[in-house]
Amino acid sequence: MPKIDERLEKELEQVADTEERQAAGARFEQAHPLMQEVSYAVITGDHQGVDRLTRQALDQGFSANDILDDGLVSGMALVGIKFRDNIIFVPEVLVAARAMKAGMAHLEPILSESGIRPKGVVVTGTVKGDLHDIGKNLCVMMLRGAGFTVHDLGVDIRPEEFIDAVAEHGAQVLGMSALLTTTLPNMGKTIEAFEEAELRGTVKIMVGGAPLSQEFADDMGADGYGKDAMACVELAGRLSVGDRASENTPAISQEEVQG
C-alpha cells in the first residue's frame, strides 16, 4: 500500500483547505518514494538534493516526464499553495525555485530531444514602468514545469515589445503582470495596442498581480485573471486551446478555474 513520506505529511498538515490537502496528498501517495523525495527537496529548497535525486532517478530508469510531474511539479505546487496562504514568503519561494531549476537542468535537454509537443506557447512580461518580477518569475517556472514553452521578456515591457514577441513566437497566450497600481493602466494600453494592430484575435491575454481584481480584468478586456502562479498555469491551459471567446465574454476568474 503506497505511503506518503512522513516529512511530506507534515508539510501537508500546513494546508488549511481540506479538499486541497487531500488532493495534494493523493498525488504524493501515488508517486514512487524517490519522487516523493524529489518533491520534499523542492519544497525545502534543497537544490543540491534535487540535483542528486534527479540524476539518481534518471540513472534508475525513471522518465523525464515522470520526474517532472511526480517530483518537481508536485513539490512546487505545494510551495505555491503555501505561498498563496502566507505560510511561506518570497525568500522561501525563491529558494524552492532555485531547487526546481536544479532538476530542470537535467530534464530540459531530454524533454527537448524527445520531440514532445509543448502544451502551448506563452509570452510573458511585466508591463511598462514596473520593475517587479518575483510573481512573474514564479509563473514562468511553473508554466515551464507544466510543459509550456515560455518566452519571458522581463520587466518594463512596452506594448510594442509584447506585440513583436507574440508575432515572432506564434504565442497562443500573453501573460502580463504588474505590482504597482500606477502601472495597471499599461495593461489596458497593451490590449488596446493589439486591437489597433488588428492582432487581438490572434492571442489570448491573461493578467495577474497583487493589485488586480476580477473587475479590473473584465474592464480592460483581458481573457483571463488569476491571483497566483497555480491559477496562471490553469488559465494558460484553458486559454491555449479552443477558439477565442467573444470580446464580450468576461475574463475567466480563478473561481472558474478551480471549480
C-alpha atoms as a PDB file:
ATOM      1  CA  MET A   1       0.000   0.000   0.000  1.00  0.00           C
ATOM      2  CA  PRO A   2       1.514   3.340  -1.064  1.00  0.00           C
ATOM      3  CA  LYS A   3       2.545   5.572   1.779  1.00  0.00           C
ATOM      4  CA  ILE A   4       3.358   9.253   1.956  1.00  0.00           C
ATOM      5  CA  ASP A   5       6.744  10.228   3.317  1.00  0.00           C
ATOM      6  CA  GLU A   6       6.329  11.454   6.898  1.00  0.00           C
ATOM      7  CA  ARG A   7       8.095  14.697   6.034  1.00  0.00           C
ATOM      8  CA  LEU A   8       5.573  15.370   3.284  1.00  0.00           C
ATOM      9  CA  GLU A   9       2.762  14.550   5.688  1.00  0.00           C
ATOM     10  CA  LYS A  10       3.993  17.340   7.949  1.00  0.00           C
ATOM     11  CA  GLU A  11       4.087  19.729   5.013  1.00  0.00           C
ATOM     12  CA  LEU A  12       0.524  18.794   4.076  1.00  0.00           C
ATOM     13  CA  GLU A  13      -0.678  19.459   7.599  1.00  0.00           C
ATOM     14  CA  GLN A  14       0.003  23.142   6.990  1.00  0.00           C
ATOM     15  CA  VAL A  15      -2.594  23.317   4.202  1.00  0.00           C
ATOM     16  CA  ALA A  16      -5.815  24.678   5.674  1.00  0.00           C
ATOM     17  CA  ASP A  17      -8.252  23.694   2.921  1.00  0.00           C
ATOM     18  CA  THR A  18      -9.282  20.063   3.458  1.00  0.00           C
ATOM     19  CA  GLU A  19     -10.044  19.250  -0.183  1.00  0.00           C
ATOM     20  CA  GLU A  20      -6.849  20.858  -1.355  1.00  0.00           C
ATOM     21  CA  ARG A  21      -4.841  18.972   1.257  1.00  0.00           C
ATOM     22  CA  GLN A  22      -6.447  15.673   0.290  1.00  0.00           C
ATOM     23  CA  ALA A  23      -5.844  16.274  -3.428  1.00  0.00           C
ATOM     24  CA  ALA A  24      -2.175  17.062  -2.851  1.00  0.00           C
ATOM     25  CA  GLY A  25      -1.874  14.067  -0.537  1.00  0.00           C
ATOM     26  CA  ALA A  26      -3.392  11.750  -3.126  1.00  0.00           C
ATOM     27  CA  ARG A  27      -0.870  12.944  -5.678  1.00  0.00           C
ATOM     28  CA  PHE A  28       2.050  12.304  -3.351  1.00  0.00           C
ATOM     29  CA  GLU A  29       0.601   8.925  -2.348  1.00  0.00           C
ATOM     30  CA  GLN A  30       0.532   7.759  -5.964  1.00  0.00           C
ATOM     31  CA  ALA A  31       4.149   8.767  -6.520  1.00  0.00           C
ATOM     32  CA  HIS A  32       7.168   6.497  -6.099  1.00  0.00           C
ATOM     33  CA  PRO A  33       9.104   7.068  -2.842  1.00  0.00           C
ATOM     34  CA  LEU A  34      12.017   8.509  -4.826  1.00  0.00           C
ATOM     35  CA  MET A  35       9.676  11.027  -6.459  1.00  0.00           C
ATOM     36  CA  GLN A  36       8.399  11.952  -3.018  1.00  0.00           C
ATOM     37  CA  GLU A  37      11.987  12.640  -2.000  1.00  0.00           C
ATOM     38  CA  VAL A  38      12.365  14.923  -5.021  1.00  0.00           C
ATOM     39  CA  SER A  39       9.185  16.788  -4.059  1.00  0.00           C
ATOM     40  CA  TYR A  40      10.329  17.252  -0.479  1.00  0.00           C
ATOM     41  CA  ALA A  41      13.714  18.533  -1.633  1.00  0.00           C
ATOM     42  CA  VAL A  42      11.953  21.113  -3.827  1.00  0.00           C
ATOM     43  CA  ILE A  43       9.653  22.193  -1.001  1.00  0.00           C
ATOM     44  CA  THR A  44      12.543  22.667   1.394  1.00  0.00           C
ATOM     45  CA  GLY A  45      14.718  24.394  -1.210  1.00  0.00           C
ATOM     46  CA  ASP A  46      17.449  21.742  -1.169  1.00  0.00           C
ATOM     47  CA  HIS A  47      18.868  22.407  -4.639  1.00  0.00           C
ATOM     48  CA  GLN A  48      21.794  20.029  -4.153  1.00  0.00           C
ATOM     49  CA  GLY A  49      19.388  17.305  -3.084  1.00  0.00           C
ATOM     50  CA  VAL A  50      17.154  17.923  -6.121  1.00  0.00           C
ATOM     51  CA  ASP A  51      20.195  17.769  -8.379  1.00  0.00           C
ATOM     52  CA  ARG A  52      21.382  14.491  -6.856  1.00  0.00           C
ATOM     53  CA  LEU A  53      17.943  12.856  -6.714  1.00  0.00           C
ATOM     54  CA  THR A  54      17.080  13.834 -10.284  1.00  0.00           C
ATOM     55  CA  ARG A  55      20.301  12.274 -11.564  1.00  0.00           C
ATOM     56  CA  GLN A  56      19.654   9.202  -9.428  1.00  0.00           C
ATOM     57  CA  ALA A  57      16.127   8.853 -10.812  1.00  0.00           C
ATOM     58  CA  LEU A  58      17.332   9.118 -14.398  1.00  0.00           C
ATOM     59  CA  ASP A  59      20.014   6.509 -13.720  1.00  0.00           C
ATOM     60  CA  GLN A  60      17.339   4.203 -12.302  1.00  0.00           C
ATOM     61  CA  GLY A  61      15.248   4.481 -15.441  1.00  0.00           C
ATOM     62  CA  PHE A  62      12.589   6.999 -14.452  1.00  0.00           C
ATOM     63  CA  SER A  63      11.372   9.009 -17.428  1.00  0.00           C
ATOM     64  CA  ALA A  64      11.962  12.750 -17.559  1.00  0.00           C
ATOM     65  CA  ASN A  65       8.192  13.280 -17.673  1.00  0.00           C
ATOM     66  CA  ASP A  66       7.613  11.238 -14.521  1.00  0.00           C
ATOM     67  CA  ILE A  67      10.342  13.059 -12.627  1.00  0.00           C
ATOM     68  CA  LEU A  68       8.907  16.377 -13.771  1.00  0.00           C
ATOM     69  CA  ASP A  69       5.267  15.640 -12.956  1.00  0.00           C
ATOM     70  CA  ASP A  70       5.542  13.378  -9.906  1.00  0.00           C
ATOM     71  CA  GLY A  71       8.580  15.032  -8.364  1.00  0.00           C
ATOM     72  CA  LEU A  72       9.326  18.621  -9.308  1.00  0.00           C
ATOM     73  CA  VAL A  73       5.868  19.929 -10.218  1.00  0.00           C
ATOM     74  CA  SER A  74       4.144  18.181  -7.311  1.00  0.00           C
ATOM     75  CA  GLY A  75       6.583  19.743  -4.886  1.00  0.00           C
ATOM     76  CA  MET A  76       6.360  23.201  -6.427  1.00  0.00           C
ATOM     77  CA  ALA A  77       2.573  23.044  -6.449  1.00  0.00           C
ATOM     78  CA  LEU A  78       2.609  22.714  -2.662  1.00  0.00           C
ATOM     79  CA  VAL A  79       5.055  25.618  -2.483  1.00  0.00           C
ATOM     80  CA  GLY A  80       2.551  27.666  -4.476  1.00  0.00           C
ATOM     81  CA  ILE A  81      -0.250  26.808  -2.045  1.00  0.00           C
ATOM     82  CA  LYS A  82       1.859  27.708   0.977  1.00  0.00           C
ATOM     83  CA  PHE A  83       2.916  30.984  -0.618  1.00  0.00           C
ATOM     84  CA  ARG A  84      -0.659  31.891  -1.509  1.00  0.00           C
ATOM     85  CA  ASP A  85      -1.795  31.167   2.050  1.00  0.00           C
ATOM     86  CA  ASN A  86       1.053  33.213   3.583  1.00  0.00           C
ATOM     87  CA  ILE A  87       2.602  30.147   5.204  1.00  0.00           C
ATOM     88  CA  ILE A  88       5.861  30.919   3.452  1.00  0.00           C
ATOM     89  CA  PHE A  89       7.094  34.116   1.849  1.00  0.00           C
ATOM     90  CA  VAL A  90       9.171  35.345  -1.074  1.00  0.00           C
ATOM     91  CA  PRO A  91      12.599  34.153   0.176  1.00  0.00           C
ATOM     92  CA  GLU A  92      11.338  30.579   0.625  1.00  0.00           C
ATOM     93  CA  VAL A  93       9.720  30.627  -2.814  1.00  0.00           C
ATOM     94  CA  LEU A  94      12.919  31.808  -4.446  1.00  0.00           C
ATOM     95  CA  VAL A  95      14.906  29.054  -2.725  1.00  0.00           C
ATOM     96  CA  ALA A  96      12.362  26.449  -3.886  1.00  0.00           C
ATOM     97  CA  ALA A  97      12.511  27.876  -7.405  1.00  0.00           C
ATOM     98  CA  ARG A  98      16.288  27.513  -7.376  1.00  0.00           C
ATOM     99  CA  ALA A  99      15.894  23.893  -6.296  1.00  0.00           C
ATOM    100  CA  MET A 100      13.418  23.112  -9.055  1.00  0.00           C
ATOM    101  CA  LYS A 101      15.744  24.743 -11.581  1.00  0.00           C
ATOM    102  CA  ALA A 102      18.491  22.335 -10.499  1.00  0.00           C
ATOM    103  CA  GLY A 103      16.287  19.413 -11.509  1.00  0.00           C
ATOM    104  CA  MET A 104      15.079  21.045 -14.715  1.00  0.00           C
ATOM    105  CA  ALA A 105      18.681  21.471 -15.837  1.00  0.00           C
ATOM    106  CA  HIS A 106      18.834  17.679 -16.242  1.00  0.00           C
ATOM    107  CA  LEU A 107      15.335  17.234 -17.664  1.00  0.00           C
ATOM    108  CA  GLU A 108      15.016  20.032 -20.213  1.00  0.00           C
ATOM    109  CA  PRO A 109      17.567  18.591 -22.703  1.00  0.00           C
ATOM    110  CA  ILE A 110      15.840  15.206 -22.548  1.00  0.00           C
ATOM    111  CA  LEU A 111      12.385  16.689 -22.999  1.00  0.00           C
ATOM    112  CA  SER A 112      13.594  18.798 -25.929  1.00  0.00           C
ATOM    113  CA  GLU A 113      15.190  15.827 -27.678  1.00  0.00           C
ATOM    114  CA  SER A 114      12.105  13.689 -27.190  1.00  0.00           C
ATOM    115  CA  GLY A 115      10.147  15.914 -29.562  1.00  0.00           C
ATOM    116  CA  ILE A 116       7.207  16.107 -27.166  1.00  0.00           C
ATOM    117  CA  ARG A 117       4.913  18.858 -28.334  1.00  0.00           C
ATOM    118  CA  PRO A 118       4.567  21.642 -25.747  1.00  0.00           C
ATOM    119  CA  LYS A 119       1.158  22.370 -24.279  1.00  0.00           C
ATOM    120  CA  GLY A 120       1.313  25.850 -25.718  1.00  0.00           C
ATOM    121  CA  VAL A 121       3.473  28.906 -26.293  1.00  0.00           C
ATOM    122  CA  VAL A 122       3.304  31.756 -23.799  1.00  0.00           C
ATOM    123  CA  VAL A 123       4.875  35.206 -23.957  1.00  0.00           C
ATOM    124  CA  THR A 124       5.051  36.984 -20.621  1.00  0.00           C
ATOM    125  CA  GLY A 125       6.456  40.093 -19.020  1.00  0.00           C
ATOM    126  CA  THR A 126       5.922  42.884 -16.508  1.00  0.00           C
ATOM    127  CA  VAL A 127       4.274  45.939 -18.058  1.00  0.00           C
ATOM    128  CA  LYS A 128       5.895  49.279 -18.865  1.00  0.00           C
ATOM    129  CA  GLY A 129       7.017  51.222 -15.806  1.00  0.00           C
ATOM    130  CA  ASP A 130       7.008  48.232 -13.435  1.00  0.00           C
ATOM    131  CA  LEU A 131      10.237  46.509 -12.400  1.00  0.00           C
ATOM    132  CA  HIS A 132       8.740  43.860 -10.082  1.00  0.00           C
ATOM    133  CA  ASP A 133       9.128  40.286 -11.287  1.00  0.00           C
ATOM    134  CA  ILE A 134       9.021  37.790  -8.411  1.00  0.00           C
ATOM    135  CA  GLY A 135       5.435  36.749  -9.086  1.00  0.00           C
ATOM    136  CA  LYS A 136       6.053  36.651 -12.820  1.00  0.00           C
ATOM    137  CA  ASN A 137       9.164  34.544 -12.382  1.00  0.00           C
ATOM    138  CA  LEU A 138       7.243  32.015 -10.295  1.00  0.00           C
ATOM    139  CA  CYS A 139       4.589  31.821 -13.004  1.00  0.00           C
ATOM    140  CA  VAL A 140       7.260  31.318 -15.679  1.00  0.00           C
ATOM    141  CA  MET A 141       8.845  28.484 -13.736  1.00  0.00           C
ATOM    142  CA  MET A 142       5.508  26.776 -13.070  1.00  0.00           C
ATOM    143  CA  LEU A 143       4.422  27.159 -16.699  1.00  0.00           C
ATOM    144  CA  ARG A 144       7.656  25.643 -17.985  1.00  0.00           C
ATOM    145  CA  GLY A 145       7.397  22.837 -15.488  1.00  0.00           C
ATOM    146  CA  ALA A 146       3.848  22.151 -16.664  1.00  0.00           C
ATOM    147  CA  GLY A 147       5.010  21.741 -20.259  1.00  0.00           C
ATOM    148  CA  PHE A 148       4.584  25.183 -21.823  1.00  0.00           C
ATOM    149  CA  THR A 149       7.178  26.941 -23.939  1.00  0.00           C
ATOM    150  CA  VAL A 150       7.610  30.329 -22.268  1.00  0.00           C
ATOM    151  CA  HIS A 151       9.314  33.419 -23.659  1.00  0.00           C
ATOM    152  CA  ASP A 152       9.951  35.728 -20.723  1.00  0.00           C
ATOM    153  CA  LEU A 153      10.520  39.309 -21.859  1.00  0.00           C
ATOM    154  CA  GLY A 154      11.444  40.525 -18.384  1.00  0.00           C
ATOM    155  CA  VAL A 155      10.303  43.810 -16.839  1.00  0.00           C
ATOM    156  CA  ASP A 156       9.303  47.285 -18.042  1.00  0.00           C
ATOM    157  CA  ILE A 157       7.915  45.953 -21.335  1.00  0.00           C
ATOM    158  CA  ARG A 158       6.304  48.322 -23.831  1.00  0.00           C
ATOM    159  CA  PRO A 159       3.139  47.298 -25.751  1.00  0.00           C
ATOM    160  CA  GLU A 160       5.120  47.168 -28.984  1.00  0.00           C
ATOM    161  CA  GLU A 161       7.547  44.687 -27.449  1.00  0.00           C
ATOM    162  CA  PHE A 162       4.685  42.397 -26.412  1.00  0.00           C
ATOM    163  CA  ILE A 163       3.219  42.596 -29.912  1.00  0.00           C
ATOM    164  CA  ASP A 164       6.543  41.816 -31.601  1.00  0.00           C
ATOM    165  CA  ALA A 165       7.202  38.841 -29.299  1.00  0.00           C
ATOM    166  CA  VAL A 166       3.745  37.330 -29.771  1.00  0.00           C
ATOM    167  CA  ALA A 167       4.110  37.610 -33.539  1.00  0.00           C
ATOM    168  CA  GLU A 168       7.677  36.281 -33.563  1.00  0.00           C
ATOM    169  CA  HIS A 169       6.973  33.229 -31.410  1.00  0.00           C
ATOM    170  CA  GLY A 170       3.422  32.493 -32.541  1.00  0.00           C
ATOM    171  CA  ALA A 171       2.223  32.576 -28.938  1.00  0.00           C
ATOM    172  CA  GLN A 172      -1.307  31.487 -28.117  1.00  0.00           C
ATOM    173  CA  VAL A 173      -1.210  33.247 -24.748  1.00  0.00           C
ATOM    174  CA  LEU A 174       0.200  36.538 -23.488  1.00  0.00           C
ATOM    175  CA  GLY A 175       0.665  36.946 -19.745  1.00  0.00           C
ATOM    176  CA  MET A 176       1.088  40.412 -18.250  1.00  0.00           C
ATOM    177  CA  SER A 177       1.924  41.200 -14.630  1.00  0.00           C
ATOM    178  CA  ALA A 178       2.062  44.366 -12.536  1.00  0.00           C
ATOM    179  CA  LEU A 179       2.569  45.146  -8.881  1.00  0.00           C
ATOM    180  CA  LEU A 180       2.200  48.928  -8.844  1.00  0.00           C
ATOM    181  CA  THR A 181      -1.273  50.440  -9.088  1.00  0.00           C
ATOM    182  CA  THR A 182       0.235  53.207 -11.199  1.00  0.00           C
ATOM    183  CA  THR A 183       1.265  50.720 -13.888  1.00  0.00           C
ATOM    184  CA  LEU A 184      -2.037  48.833 -14.117  1.00  0.00           C
ATOM    185  CA  PRO A 185      -3.367  51.116 -16.889  1.00  0.00           C
ATOM    186  CA  ASN A 186      -0.484  49.935 -19.068  1.00  0.00           C
ATOM    187  CA  MET A 187      -2.117  46.510 -19.218  1.00  0.00           C
ATOM    188  CA  GLY A 188      -5.176  48.084 -20.806  1.00  0.00           C
ATOM    189  CA  LYS A 189      -2.974  50.130 -23.137  1.00  0.00           C
ATOM    190  CA  THR A 190      -1.234  46.958 -24.277  1.00  0.00           C
ATOM    191  CA  ILE A 191      -4.557  45.289 -25.062  1.00  0.00           C
ATOM    192  CA  GLU A 192      -5.609  48.417 -26.975  1.00  0.00           C
ATOM    193  CA  ALA A 193      -2.330  48.266 -28.912  1.00  0.00           C
ATOM    194  CA  PHE A 194      -3.124  44.702 -30.003  1.00  0.00           C
ATOM    195  CA  GLU A 195      -6.561  45.858 -31.129  1.00  0.00           C
ATOM    196  CA  GLU A 196      -5.130  48.799 -33.075  1.00  0.00           C
ATOM    197  CA  ALA A 197      -2.646  46.451 -34.759  1.00  0.00           C
ATOM    198  CA  GLU A 198      -5.579  44.134 -35.621  1.00  0.00           C
ATOM    199  CA  LEU A 199      -3.851  41.306 -33.759  1.00  0.00           C
ATOM    200  CA  ARG A 200      -6.186  40.950 -30.782  1.00  0.00           C
ATOM    201  CA  GLY A 201      -7.827  37.904 -32.318  1.00  0.00           C
ATOM    202  CA  THR A 202      -4.517  36.062 -32.602  1.00  0.00           C
ATOM    203  CA  VAL A 203      -3.730  35.777 -28.885  1.00  0.00           C
ATOM    204  CA  LYS A 204      -5.476  35.338 -25.570  1.00  0.00           C
ATOM    205  CA  ILE A 205      -4.371  37.635 -22.783  1.00  0.00           C
ATOM    206  CA  MET A 206      -4.191  36.786 -19.087  1.00  0.00           C
ATOM    207  CA  VAL A 207      -3.255  39.208 -16.339  1.00  0.00           C
ATOM    208  CA  GLY A 208      -2.087  38.919 -12.763  1.00  0.00           C
ATOM    209  CA  GLY A 209      -0.583  40.848  -9.899  1.00  0.00           C
ATOM    210  CA  ALA A 210      -1.352  41.851  -6.336  1.00  0.00           C
ATOM    211  CA  PRO A 211      -3.416  44.993  -7.071  1.00  0.00           C
ATOM    212  CA  LEU A 212      -5.569  43.364  -9.756  1.00  0.00           C
ATOM    213  CA  SER A 213      -9.145  42.204  -9.366  1.00  0.00           C
ATOM    214  CA  GLN A 214     -11.626  40.303 -11.489  1.00  0.00           C
ATOM    215  CA  GLU A 215     -13.474  43.550 -12.176  1.00  0.00           C
ATOM    216  CA  PHE A 216     -10.316  45.261 -13.386  1.00  0.00           C
ATOM    217  CA  ALA A 217      -9.511  42.322 -15.676  1.00  0.00           C
ATOM    218  CA  ASP A 218     -13.028  42.418 -17.128  1.00  0.00           C
ATOM    219  CA  ASP A 219     -12.931  46.177 -17.648  1.00  0.00           C
ATOM    220  CA  MET A 220      -9.635  46.123 -19.545  1.00  0.00           C
ATOM    221  CA  GLY A 221     -10.826  43.278 -21.793  1.00  0.00           C
ATOM    222  CA  ALA A 222      -8.462  40.540 -20.633  1.00  0.00           C
ATOM    223  CA  ASP A 223      -9.361  36.920 -21.363  1.00  0.00           C
ATOM    224  CA  GLY A 224      -8.177  35.551 -18.029  1.00  0.00           C
ATOM    225  CA  TYR A 225      -7.244  36.532 -14.484  1.00  0.00           C
ATOM    226  CA  GLY A 226      -5.589  34.619 -11.687  1.00  0.00           C
ATOM    227  CA  LYS A 227      -4.219  35.700  -8.341  1.00  0.00           C
ATOM    228  CA  ASP A 228      -1.303  33.254  -8.126  1.00  0.00           C
ATOM    229  CA  ALA A 229       1.045  31.007 -10.090  1.00  0.00           C
ATOM    230  CA  MET A 230      -1.181  27.945  -9.786  1.00  0.00           C
ATOM    231  CA  ALA A 231      -4.113  29.822 -11.301  1.00  0.00           C
ATOM    232  CA  CYS A 232      -1.753  31.096 -14.010  1.00  0.00           C
ATOM    233  CA  VAL A 233      -0.938  27.549 -15.125  1.00  0.00           C
ATOM    234  CA  GLU A 234      -4.598  26.517 -15.097  1.00  0.00           C
ATOM    235  CA  LEU A 235      -5.553  29.595 -17.112  1.00  0.00           C
ATOM    236  CA  ALA A 236      -2.812  29.078 -19.674  1.00  0.00           C
ATOM    237  CA  GLY A 237      -4.037  25.542 -20.222  1.00  0.00           C
ATOM    238  CA  ARG A 238      -7.567  26.706 -20.865  1.00  0.00           C
ATOM    239  CA  LEU A 239      -6.668  29.746 -22.919  1.00  0.00           C
ATOM    240  CA  SER A 240      -4.177  27.985 -25.187  1.00  0.00           C
ATOM    241  CA  VAL A 241      -6.833  25.664 -26.644  1.00  0.00           C
ATOM    242  CA  GLY A 242     -10.134  26.256 -28.392  1.00  0.00           C
ATOM    243  CA  ASP A 243     -11.451  29.266 -30.217  1.00  0.00           C
ATOM    244  CA  ARG A 244     -11.164  32.770 -28.840  1.00  0.00           C
ATOM    245  CA  ALA A 245     -14.106  33.833 -26.689  1.00  0.00           C
ATOM    246  CA  SER A 246     -16.060  36.779 -27.993  1.00  0.00           C
ATOM    247  CA  GLU A 247     -14.916  40.219 -26.933  1.00  0.00           C
ATOM    248  CA  ASN A 248     -17.980  40.498 -24.709  1.00  0.00           C
ATOM    249  CA  THR A 249     -17.106  37.409 -22.687  1.00  0.00           C
ATOM    250  CA  PRO A 250     -15.909  38.262 -19.141  1.00  0.00           C
ATOM    251  CA  ALA A 251     -12.390  37.246 -18.132  1.00  0.00           C
ATOM    252  CA  ILE A 252     -12.083  33.764 -16.671  1.00  0.00           C
ATOM    253  CA  SER A 253     -11.881  34.031 -12.903  1.00  0.00           C
ATOM    254  CA  GLN A 254      -9.779  31.981 -10.514  1.00  0.00           C
ATOM    255  CA  GLU A 255     -13.019  30.597  -9.061  1.00  0.00           C
ATOM    256  CA  GLU A 256     -13.998  29.256 -12.513  1.00  0.00           C
ATOM    257  CA  VAL A 257     -10.565  27.674 -12.885  1.00  0.00           C
ATOM    258  CA  GLN A 258     -10.772  25.899  -9.553  1.00  0.00           C
ATOM    259  CA  GLY A 259     -14.419  24.996  -9.999  1.00  0.00           C
END
